[in-house]
Amino acid sequence: MSFNEAFLWGSASAAYQIEGAVKEEGKGVSIWDEWAHIEGKTYQGTNGDIATDHFHRYLEDVALMKEMGLKAYRFSISWTRILPNGKGEVNLKGIDFYNRLIDALVEAGIEPVVTLYHWDLPKALQDEYGGWLSPRIVDDFRAYASVCFDAFADRVKYWIVINEPNIFTQLGYQMALHPPGMKDDAAFVKAYHHTALAHAETVITYKAKGYKGYIGSSIAFQPSYAASGSQEDLEAKANYDAIGPWWYMDAYYKGTYPDRGLRYYQERGIEFCPSEKDLALLQQGAKLADFMGINYYQTAMVASNGLDGVGLAGMNTTGKKGSQKESGIPGMYKFVKNPSVEYTDWDWAIDPDGLRMGLVALKERYDLPVMISENGLGAYDLVTEDGYVLDDYRIMFIKEHIKAIENAINQGVDMLGYMTWSFTDLLSWLNGFKKRYGFVYIDFEDEKLTRIKKQSFYWYKKVIEQNGVEG
């Protein structure tokens, strides 16, 4: 087997999607606390007010993790549970909650992997200066991170600064599907740049404080194929990479932006010219990062898209396979269906070997250790009359992706761990409670929020015991 004894077999979650208790013990209001209550913004009006009630039931959930044998559990801290107004006075009850959670994990022999930001920006900062649109966010984020480091770094060795900045900025500032609900390319570019600066400042602060753990951020990574060998489709792939994955990851892990991407925005009248000071900060942060987190779900097949071609389209949130609308950027590229792979009910490409391909490409470009911070299958899960959830489709999905990671290791990729998404079923930002990812089924129609161990729970337990997939 290719996995060493220190490999972190884990699973993951995010505060807004599981905790609930949105108004308890001094927690402030986040942009998602507000957004999810605006009519039409979420699937069937679902929100995280209760979610899985993890805030009250964390000991029950940790007990299930221990039973499974998890080596690591990745969770996020709610910024407004620590600093209700985003800055200023610390909420000690929030500190106490995460201390209790971390202590329970450590006692269970589970490594805490902490994400500082998983999209739930304090509303007070959004109202005061526009949140991620202002450079003021960088200092406020660094101050928040410092509070967390001082409170928890004695027991937390692995830190993920920001989760999927490319996703929340694109959906929030370019497609109006997430808060603050904008469709402005210039705002998207500016907001993303500020996430990169906040990441760099936080990494530098962590190292300056002398902590001995490991720190990085997690980017949603969608490696690409050209739809054909034509010059037009190869050019489309180069365009996608330059304003897609390499744009996002170069900012965090090289401290630069791809020239092709910069030209694209400049040609469209978007004034984005990072200052020498900003670039120096990004490069310092890139040099100090210990690893890169990767959230991998699918690959993209891209083709040429004329100037009069399709624009960006929203995601399939219906769960009806084949309902995804064609999407792209005119003059740059468009996404087309890959005839070589299967698709989920939400039209996500199931491509385990794309993960291997992507990991090898990351090694060549960045040469950093990698943690898979999210990977999993969103599906409709049903409880049988006997009370079982038979999710063999999820087992097959995860099994093939683990094999792909093993193949990447054999090609020289330094892998730290594998966090599935997710441990329990949880609230999906745009799909409510119907799209399930967990090893543990939660009956959201039952006030008791009953937990049921799925077939995949027992299978992953065996994978951990034998340190990989056998056979």
Protein backbone atom coordinates (compact mmCIF):
# COMPACT_ATOMS: atom_id res chain seq x y z
CA MET A 1 0.00 0.00 0.00
CA SER A 2 1.15 3.54 -0.75
CA PHE A 3 -0.29 5.34 2.27
CA ASN A 4 2.12 5.92 5.14
CA GLU A 5 1.12 5.48 8.77
CA ALA A 6 0.75 9.26 9.27
CA PHE A 7 -1.80 9.59 6.45
CA LEU A 8 -4.90 11.42 7.72
CA TRP A 9 -8.03 9.47 6.87
CA GLY A 10 -10.76 11.96 7.67
CA SER A 11 -14.03 13.63 6.87
CA ALA A 12 -15.26 17.20 6.84
CA SER A 13 -18.01 19.74 7.53
CA ALA A 14 -18.66 23.50 7.73
CA ALA A 15 -20.07 25.51 10.62
CA TYR A 16 -23.13 27.03 8.93
CA GLN A 17 -24.07 23.70 7.37
CA ILE A 18 -24.15 21.71 10.62
CA GLU A 19 -24.04 23.78 13.81
CA GLY A 20 -27.43 25.46 14.05
CA ALA A 21 -27.83 27.51 17.25
CA VAL A 22 -27.48 30.68 15.18
CA LYS A 23 -28.67 32.96 17.98
CA GLU A 24 -27.27 31.13 20.99
CA GLU A 25 -24.47 31.96 23.40
CA GLY A 26 -23.56 35.31 21.94
CA LYS A 27 -23.16 34.38 18.28
CA GLY A 28 -23.42 37.32 15.89
CA VAL A 29 -25.17 37.45 12.52
CA SER A 30 -23.38 36.23 9.40
CA ILE A 31 -24.25 37.05 5.79
CA TRP A 32 -25.66 33.53 5.44
CA ASP A 33 -27.90 33.96 8.48
CA GLU A 34 -29.47 36.84 6.56
CA TRP A 35 -29.29 35.50 2.98
CA ALA A 36 -30.95 32.17 3.73
CA HIS A 37 -34.04 34.00 5.01
CA ILE A 38 -34.53 36.05 1.84
CA GLU A 39 -37.32 34.48 -0.19
CA GLY A 40 -36.11 32.59 -3.24
CA LYS A 41 -32.41 32.52 -2.35
CA THR A 42 -32.20 28.91 -1.14
CA TYR A 43 -33.87 25.64 -2.10
CA GLN A 44 -37.37 25.56 -0.61
CA GLY A 45 -36.33 28.24 1.89
CA THR A 46 -33.94 25.94 3.74
CA ASN A 47 -31.55 27.55 6.19
CA GLY A 48 -28.94 26.74 8.83
CA ASP A 49 -30.90 27.89 11.88
CA ILE A 50 -30.94 24.30 13.17
CA ALA A 51 -29.10 22.36 10.44
CA THR A 52 -27.91 19.08 12.04
CA ASP A 53 -27.91 20.66 15.52
CA HIS A 54 -24.23 19.79 15.87
CA PHE A 55 -23.80 22.64 18.36
CA HIS A 56 -25.85 20.69 20.87
CA ARG A 57 -24.99 17.19 19.67
CA TYR A 58 -21.26 17.40 18.95
CA LEU A 59 -20.47 14.74 21.55
CA GLU A 60 -22.82 12.31 19.82
CA ASP A 61 -21.20 13.10 16.47
CA VAL A 62 -17.66 12.75 17.82
CA ALA A 63 -18.62 9.39 19.32
CA LEU A 64 -19.66 8.25 15.84
CA MET A 65 -16.35 9.51 14.42
CA LYS A 66 -14.47 7.56 17.05
CA GLU A 67 -16.50 4.44 16.28
CA MET A 68 -15.58 4.82 12.61
CA GLY A 69 -11.93 5.25 13.53
CA LEU A 70 -11.43 8.63 11.86
CA LYS A 71 -7.85 9.86 12.03
CA ALA A 72 -8.88 13.48 11.37
CA TYR A 73 -11.96 15.67 11.33
CA ARG A 74 -12.02 18.91 9.39
CA PHE A 75 -14.49 21.53 10.62
CA SER A 76 -14.81 25.28 10.32
CA ILE A 77 -15.05 27.91 13.00
CA SER A 78 -17.90 30.38 12.77
CA TRP A 79 -16.28 33.84 12.73
CA THR A 80 -19.36 35.40 14.36
CA ARG A 81 -19.34 32.83 17.17
CA ILE A 82 -15.85 34.10 18.09
CA LEU A 83 -16.25 37.79 17.19
CA PRO A 84 -19.97 38.60 16.92
CA ASN A 85 -19.28 41.87 15.08
CA GLY A 86 -16.35 40.54 13.10
CA LYS A 87 -13.87 42.46 15.26
CA GLY A 88 -13.59 43.90 18.72
CA GLU A 89 -14.81 42.04 21.79
CA VAL A 90 -14.24 38.27 21.86
CA ASN A 91 -17.21 36.04 22.70
CA LEU A 92 -15.79 33.71 25.36
CA LYS A 93 -18.76 31.36 25.07
CA GLY A 94 -17.82 30.80 21.43
CA ILE A 95 -14.23 30.06 22.42
CA ASP A 96 -15.57 27.63 25.01
CA PHE A 97 -17.68 25.72 22.45
CA TYR A 98 -14.74 25.10 20.13
CA ASN A 99 -12.49 24.24 23.07
CA ARG A 100 -14.97 21.56 24.08
CA LEU A 101 -15.22 20.24 20.53
CA ILE A 102 -11.45 20.16 20.07
CA ASP A 103 -10.92 18.50 23.45
CA ALA A 104 -13.50 15.84 22.59
CA LEU A 105 -11.75 15.13 19.29
CA VAL A 106 -8.31 14.92 20.88
CA GLU A 107 -9.62 12.61 23.60
CA ALA A 108 -11.09 10.39 20.87
CA GLY A 109 -7.72 10.23 19.09
CA ILE A 110 -8.93 12.37 16.18
CA GLU A 111 -6.73 15.11 14.69
CA PRO A 112 -8.63 18.43 14.47
CA VAL A 113 -8.21 20.11 11.08
CA VAL A 114 -9.57 23.64 11.46
CA THR A 115 -10.88 25.87 8.68
CA LEU A 116 -10.95 29.52 9.70
CA TYR A 117 -13.37 30.68 7.01
CA HIS A 118 -16.07 28.69 5.24
CA TRP A 119 -18.15 31.50 3.74
CA ASP A 120 -20.00 32.85 6.81
CA LEU A 121 -18.71 36.44 6.81
CA PRO A 122 -19.88 38.62 9.72
CA LYS A 123 -22.76 40.76 8.48
CA ALA A 124 -21.39 43.70 10.45
CA LEU A 125 -18.31 43.82 8.21
CA GLN A 126 -20.40 43.48 5.06
CA ASP A 127 -22.54 46.38 6.20
CA GLU A 128 -19.64 48.55 7.37
CA TYR A 129 -17.35 48.43 4.34
CA GLY A 130 -18.56 45.84 1.85
CA GLY A 131 -16.75 42.82 3.30
CA TRP A 132 -14.41 41.22 0.77
CA LEU A 133 -14.66 44.23 -1.56
CA SER A 134 -12.57 46.33 0.81
CA PRO A 135 -8.88 45.87 1.69
CA ARG A 136 -9.94 46.54 5.30
CA ILE A 137 -11.06 42.91 5.45
CA VAL A 138 -7.43 41.77 5.43
CA ASP A 139 -6.55 43.26 8.83
CA ASP A 140 -9.84 42.19 10.37
CA PHE A 141 -9.37 38.64 9.13
CA ARG A 142 -5.82 38.49 10.43
CA ALA A 143 -7.01 39.69 13.85
CA TYR A 144 -9.76 37.05 13.91
CA ALA A 145 -7.25 34.35 12.91
CA SER A 146 -4.91 35.46 15.70
CA VAL A 147 -7.66 35.01 18.29
CA CYS A 148 -8.19 31.46 17.02
CA PHE A 149 -4.49 30.65 16.96
CA ASP A 150 -4.03 31.88 20.52
CA ALA A 151 -7.05 29.92 21.75
CA PHE A 152 -6.62 26.61 19.91
CA ALA A 153 -3.15 26.18 18.40
CA ASP A 154 -1.89 24.25 21.43
CA ARG A 155 -4.07 21.33 20.22
CA VAL A 156 -4.64 22.09 16.53
CA LYS A 157 -1.76 21.29 14.17
CA TYR A 158 -3.52 21.65 10.81
CA TRP A 159 -5.06 24.95 9.70
CA ILE A 160 -6.95 25.78 6.52
CA VAL A 161 -7.20 29.56 6.25
CA ILE A 162 -9.96 29.97 3.64
CA ASN A 163 -12.18 27.38 1.99
CA GLU A 164 -12.90 27.63 -1.74
CA PRO A 165 -12.37 31.37 -2.22
CA ASN A 166 -12.87 30.83 -5.95
CA ILE A 167 -16.35 29.43 -5.39
CA PHE A 168 -17.75 31.93 -2.91
CA THR A 169 -16.40 34.92 -4.85
CA GLN A 170 -17.66 33.67 -8.20
CA LEU A 171 -21.10 32.73 -6.88
CA GLY A 172 -21.37 35.85 -4.73
CA TYR A 173 -19.88 38.55 -6.95
CA GLN A 174 -20.15 37.22 -10.51
CA MET A 175 -23.31 35.08 -10.56
CA ALA A 176 -25.49 36.48 -7.72
CA LEU A 177 -26.21 32.98 -6.38
CA HIS A 178 -24.57 33.59 -2.99
CA PRO A 179 -24.37 36.72 -0.85
CA PRO A 180 -23.89 39.57 -1.52
CA GLY A 181 -25.74 38.74 -4.75
CA MET A 182 -23.74 40.69 -7.34
CA LYS A 183 -23.03 40.24 -11.06
CA ASP A 184 -19.90 42.31 -11.50
CA ASP A 185 -16.68 40.87 -12.94
CA ALA A 186 -14.57 43.70 -11.53
CA ALA A 187 -16.00 43.11 -8.05
CA PHE A 188 -15.29 39.40 -8.39
CA VAL A 189 -11.62 40.03 -9.27
CA LYS A 190 -11.21 42.54 -6.44
CA ALA A 191 -12.87 40.29 -3.85
CA TYR A 192 -10.76 37.30 -4.85
CA HIS A 193 -7.57 39.35 -4.59
CA HIS A 194 -8.51 40.36 -1.07
CA THR A 195 -9.01 36.70 -0.10
CA ALA A 196 -5.49 35.99 -1.35
CA LEU A 197 -4.08 38.88 0.68
CA ALA A 198 -5.96 37.68 3.78
CA HIS A 199 -4.58 34.18 3.26
CA ALA A 200 -1.02 35.49 2.94
CA GLU A 201 -1.29 37.76 5.99
CA THR A 202 -2.69 34.90 8.05
CA VAL A 203 0.02 32.45 7.04
CA ILE A 204 2.69 35.04 7.84
CA THR A 205 1.07 35.77 11.22
CA TYR A 206 0.89 32.08 12.11
CA LYS A 207 4.58 31.60 11.35
CA ALA A 208 5.56 34.80 13.15
CA LYS A 209 3.83 33.52 16.28
CA GLY A 210 6.13 30.51 16.21
CA TYR A 211 3.50 27.77 15.99
CA LYS A 212 4.81 24.41 14.80
CA GLY A 213 1.78 23.18 12.89
CA TYR A 214 0.87 23.23 9.21
CA ILE A 215 -1.08 25.92 7.39
CA GLY A 216 -2.54 26.45 3.91
CA SER A 217 -5.86 27.17 2.19
CA SER A 218 -8.26 25.03 0.17
CA ILE A 219 -9.09 25.78 -3.46
CA ALA A 220 -11.86 24.07 -5.43
CA PHE A 221 -9.88 22.37 -8.21
CA GLN A 222 -11.49 21.36 -11.48
CA PRO A 223 -8.77 20.08 -13.84
CA SER A 224 -9.58 20.36 -17.53
CA TYR A 225 -9.44 18.50 -20.82
CA ALA A 226 -9.70 20.02 -24.28
CA ALA A 227 -12.76 18.68 -26.07
CA SER A 228 -10.60 17.85 -29.09
CA GLY A 229 -7.10 18.28 -30.45
CA SER A 230 -8.13 21.25 -32.56
CA GLN A 231 -6.20 24.48 -32.11
CA GLU A 232 -9.45 26.23 -31.10
CA ASP A 233 -10.25 23.77 -28.31
CA LEU A 234 -6.64 23.72 -27.07
CA GLU A 235 -6.77 27.51 -26.92
CA ALA A 236 -10.03 27.29 -25.00
CA LYS A 237 -8.38 24.99 -22.44
CA ALA A 238 -5.48 27.43 -22.06
CA ASN A 239 -7.99 30.24 -21.51
CA TYR A 240 -9.91 28.25 -18.90
CA ASP A 241 -6.76 27.35 -16.99
CA ALA A 242 -5.50 30.96 -17.03
CA ILE A 243 -8.64 32.51 -15.51
CA GLY A 244 -9.69 29.35 -13.69
CA PRO A 245 -7.49 26.98 -11.65
CA TRP A 246 -4.10 28.62 -12.26
CA TRP A 247 -5.49 32.10 -11.58
CA TYR A 248 -6.86 30.94 -8.25
CA MET A 249 -3.94 28.82 -7.10
CA ASP A 250 -1.08 30.95 -8.42
CA ALA A 251 -2.28 33.85 -6.26
CA TYR A 252 -2.11 31.66 -3.15
CA TYR A 253 0.85 29.41 -3.91
CA LYS A 254 3.07 31.40 -6.29
CA GLY A 255 2.18 34.95 -5.27
CA THR A 256 1.47 35.95 -8.87
CA TYR A 257 -1.31 35.85 -11.46
CA PRO A 258 -1.04 34.21 -14.92
CA ASP A 259 -0.17 36.70 -17.68
CA ARG A 260 -2.88 35.35 -19.96
CA GLY A 261 -5.44 35.92 -17.22
CA LEU A 262 -4.25 39.47 -16.57
CA ARG A 263 -4.50 40.26 -20.29
CA TYR A 264 -8.03 38.87 -20.38
CA TYR A 265 -9.27 41.23 -17.67
CA GLN A 266 -7.34 44.21 -19.00
CA GLU A 267 -8.77 43.71 -22.50
CA ARG A 268 -12.25 43.81 -20.99
CA GLY A 269 -11.64 47.10 -19.24
CA ILE A 270 -11.25 45.66 -15.75
CA GLU A 271 -8.52 47.62 -14.02
CA PHE A 272 -6.59 45.06 -12.03
CA CYS A 273 -2.93 45.74 -11.51
CA PRO A 274 -1.72 44.41 -8.14
CA SER A 275 0.73 46.74 -6.43
CA GLU A 276 4.32 45.70 -5.75
CA LYS A 277 3.43 45.71 -2.06
CA ASP A 278 0.54 43.31 -2.62
CA LEU A 279 2.62 40.98 -4.78
CA ALA A 280 5.43 40.95 -2.23
CA LEU A 281 2.91 39.99 0.45
CA LEU A 282 1.41 37.23 -1.72
CA GLN A 283 4.86 35.85 -2.51
CA GLN A 284 5.91 35.84 1.14
CA GLY A 285 2.72 33.99 2.06
CA ALA A 286 3.24 31.51 -0.78
CA LYS A 287 6.77 30.69 0.42
CA LEU A 288 5.57 30.05 3.97
CA ALA A 289 2.53 27.87 3.17
CA ASP A 290 3.08 24.27 4.30
CA PHE A 291 0.56 22.57 2.03
CA MET A 292 -2.24 23.20 -0.39
CA GLY A 293 -5.75 22.00 0.29
CA ILE A 294 -7.70 20.73 -2.69
CA ASN A 295 -11.45 20.22 -2.92
CA TYR A 296 -12.01 17.88 -5.85
CA TYR A 297 -15.36 16.77 -7.20
CA GLN A 298 -15.09 16.70 -10.99
CA THR A 299 -13.15 17.62 -14.12
CA ALA A 300 -14.15 20.03 -16.87
CA MET A 301 -14.18 19.38 -20.60
CA VAL A 302 -13.81 22.70 -22.43
CA ALA A 303 -14.34 23.73 -26.00
CA SER A 304 -14.11 26.86 -28.10
CA ASN A 305 -16.81 29.46 -27.45
CA GLY A 306 -17.33 32.33 -29.88
CA LEU A 307 -17.78 35.96 -28.93
CA ASP A 308 -21.50 35.42 -29.41
CA GLY A 309 -21.38 32.14 -27.47
CA VAL A 310 -22.92 31.05 -24.18
CA GLY A 311 -22.36 32.91 -20.92
CA LEU A 312 -22.16 31.70 -17.34
CA ALA A 313 -25.14 29.64 -16.24
CA GLY A 314 -26.18 28.57 -12.78
CA MET A 315 -25.63 25.08 -11.43
CA ASN A 316 -28.13 22.25 -11.64
CA THR A 317 -29.91 22.48 -8.30
CA THR A 318 -32.88 20.35 -9.32
CA GLY A 319 -31.19 16.98 -9.04
CA LYS A 320 -32.62 16.07 -12.45
CA LYS A 321 -29.82 14.57 -14.53
CA GLY A 322 -29.35 16.35 -17.83
CA SER A 323 -30.89 19.65 -16.76
CA GLN A 324 -27.58 21.54 -16.49
CA LYS A 325 -27.58 24.46 -18.90
CA GLU A 326 -24.59 25.07 -21.15
CA SER A 327 -22.19 27.53 -19.56
CA GLY A 328 -19.06 29.41 -20.52
CA ILE A 329 -17.42 32.76 -21.18
CA PRO A 330 -17.89 34.24 -24.66
CA GLY A 331 -14.66 34.42 -26.60
CA MET A 332 -12.86 32.20 -24.11
CA TYR A 333 -14.33 28.74 -23.55
CA LYS A 334 -17.45 26.75 -22.76
CA PHE A 335 -18.06 23.55 -20.80
CA VAL A 336 -19.22 20.55 -22.81
CA LYS A 337 -20.23 17.05 -21.79
CA ASN A 338 -17.47 14.48 -21.53
CA PRO A 339 -18.63 11.31 -23.34
CA SER A 340 -16.06 9.19 -21.49
CA VAL A 341 -17.46 9.59 -17.97
CA GLU A 342 -20.70 9.14 -16.05
CA TYR A 343 -22.53 12.04 -14.39
CA THR A 344 -24.34 12.43 -11.07
CA ASP A 345 -27.98 13.46 -10.78
CA TRP A 346 -26.67 17.01 -10.39
CA ASP A 347 -24.66 16.71 -13.64
CA TRP A 348 -21.24 16.55 -12.01
CA ALA A 349 -18.71 14.47 -13.92
CA ILE A 350 -17.56 11.33 -12.08
CA ASP A 351 -13.88 11.16 -13.02
CA PRO A 352 -11.54 9.54 -10.46
CA ASP A 353 -8.57 9.51 -12.85
CA GLY A 354 -9.05 13.25 -13.27
CA LEU A 355 -8.00 13.54 -9.64
CA ARG A 356 -4.76 11.66 -10.32
CA MET A 357 -4.12 13.82 -13.39
CA GLY A 358 -4.81 16.99 -11.41
CA LEU A 359 -2.58 16.00 -8.49
CA VAL A 360 0.34 15.29 -10.82
CA ALA A 361 -0.20 18.68 -12.49
CA LEU A 362 -0.18 20.38 -9.07
CA LYS A 363 3.11 18.72 -8.16
CA GLU A 364 4.68 19.94 -11.39
CA ARG A 365 3.42 23.49 -10.93
CA TYR A 366 3.71 24.04 -7.14
CA ASP A 367 5.63 21.10 -5.66
CA LEU A 368 3.82 21.29 -2.31
CA PRO A 369 2.30 18.59 -0.09
CA VAL A 370 -1.42 18.22 -0.79
CA MET A 371 -4.38 17.54 1.46
CA ILE A 372 -7.62 16.51 -0.19
CA SER A 373 -9.87 18.63 2.00
CA GLU A 374 -13.09 17.66 0.24
CA ASN A 375 -14.17 14.83 -2.06
CA GLY A 376 -17.48 13.02 -2.09
CA LEU A 377 -20.69 12.12 -3.85
CA GLY A 378 -23.92 14.07 -3.49
CA ALA A 379 -26.84 11.70 -4.03
CA TYR A 380 -30.39 10.78 -3.11
CA ASP A 381 -30.19 8.36 -0.17
CA LEU A 382 -33.15 6.29 0.99
CA VAL A 383 -33.78 4.46 4.25
CA THR A 384 -35.06 0.90 3.75
CA GLU A 385 -37.99 -0.49 5.69
CA ASP A 386 -35.42 -2.25 7.87
CA GLY A 387 -33.76 1.07 8.71
CA TYR A 388 -30.66 0.75 6.53
CA VAL A 389 -29.10 3.11 3.98
CA LEU A 390 -27.48 1.07 1.20
CA ASP A 391 -25.21 3.56 -0.56
CA ASP A 392 -22.97 1.25 -2.57
CA TYR A 393 -22.76 4.01 -5.22
CA ARG A 394 -20.98 6.23 -2.68
CA ILE A 395 -18.63 3.40 -1.72
CA MET A 396 -17.68 2.89 -5.37
CA PHE A 397 -17.16 6.64 -5.87
CA ILE A 398 -14.86 7.02 -2.86
CA LYS A 399 -13.06 3.73 -3.53
CA GLU A 400 -12.08 4.79 -7.05
CA HIS A 401 -10.92 8.21 -5.86
CA ILE A 402 -8.77 6.63 -3.16
CA LYS A 403 -7.18 4.45 -5.84
CA ALA A 404 -6.52 7.58 -7.87
CA ILE A 405 -4.77 9.17 -4.89
CA GLU A 406 -2.65 6.05 -4.46
CA ASN A 407 -1.67 6.22 -8.13
CA ALA A 408 -0.73 9.89 -7.68
CA ILE A 409 1.44 8.99 -4.67
CA ASN A 410 3.17 6.40 -6.83
CA GLN A 411 3.86 9.19 -9.32
CA GLY A 412 5.62 11.22 -6.63
CA VAL A 413 2.83 13.39 -5.18
CA ASP A 414 3.25 14.11 -1.45
CA MET A 415 -0.18 13.48 0.10
CA LEU A 416 -1.02 14.44 3.70
CA GLY A 417 -4.58 13.20 3.98
CA TYR A 418 -8.02 12.63 2.52
CA MET A 419 -11.11 14.35 3.93
CA THR A 420 -14.41 13.15 2.52
CA TRP A 421 -17.32 15.51 2.18
CA SER A 422 -19.01 14.94 4.49
CA PHE A 423 -19.19 13.03 7.77
CA THR A 424 -22.92 13.49 8.36
CA ASP A 425 -25.51 14.64 5.89
CA LEU A 426 -25.81 18.41 6.11
CA LEU A 427 -27.36 21.54 4.64
CA SER A 428 -26.27 22.14 1.06
CA TRP A 429 -25.96 25.86 0.29
CA LEU A 430 -28.10 25.68 -2.86
CA ASN A 431 -29.68 22.22 -2.60
CA GLY A 432 -31.17 22.20 0.88
CA PHE A 433 -31.26 18.82 2.60
CA LYS A 434 -32.07 16.60 -0.37
CA LYS A 435 -28.50 16.30 -1.70
CA ARG A 436 -26.74 13.98 0.73
CA TYR A 437 -23.00 13.43 1.08
CA GLY A 438 -22.51 11.87 4.51
CA PHE A 439 -21.53 8.53 5.98
CA VAL A 440 -24.25 9.20 8.56
CA TYR A 441 -27.82 9.73 7.41
CA ILE A 442 -29.82 12.41 9.21
CA ASP A 443 -33.60 12.39 9.16
CA PHE A 444 -34.28 16.10 8.71
CA GLU A 445 -38.05 15.54 8.83
CA ASP A 446 -37.77 14.13 12.34
CA GLU A 447 -37.44 16.66 15.18
CA LYS A 448 -35.01 14.24 16.81
CA LEU A 449 -32.69 14.51 13.78
CA THR A 450 -32.00 10.79 14.13
CA ARG A 451 -28.54 9.65 13.02
CA ILE A 452 -28.31 6.41 10.98
CA LYS A 453 -24.99 4.85 9.99
CA LYS A 454 -24.98 4.15 6.26
CA GLN A 455 -23.40 1.19 4.52
CA SER A 456 -20.51 3.49 3.57
CA PHE A 457 -19.84 4.20 7.27
CA TYR A 458 -18.79 0.60 7.87
CA TRP A 459 -16.87 0.43 4.59
CA TYR A 460 -14.79 3.56 5.31
CA LYS A 461 -14.12 2.24 8.81
CA LYS A 462 -12.49 -0.80 7.18
CA VAL A 463 -10.51 1.39 4.78
CA ILE A 464 -9.04 3.27 7.74
CA GLU A 465 -8.26 0.05 9.60
CA GLN A 466 -6.33 -1.37 6.65
CA ASN A 467 -4.82 2.03 5.67
CA GLY A 468 -6.22 2.02 2.16
CA VAL A 469 -8.37 0.11 -0.31
CA GLU A 470 -7.39 -3.52 -0.74
CA GLY A 471 -8.14 -5.58 -3.82
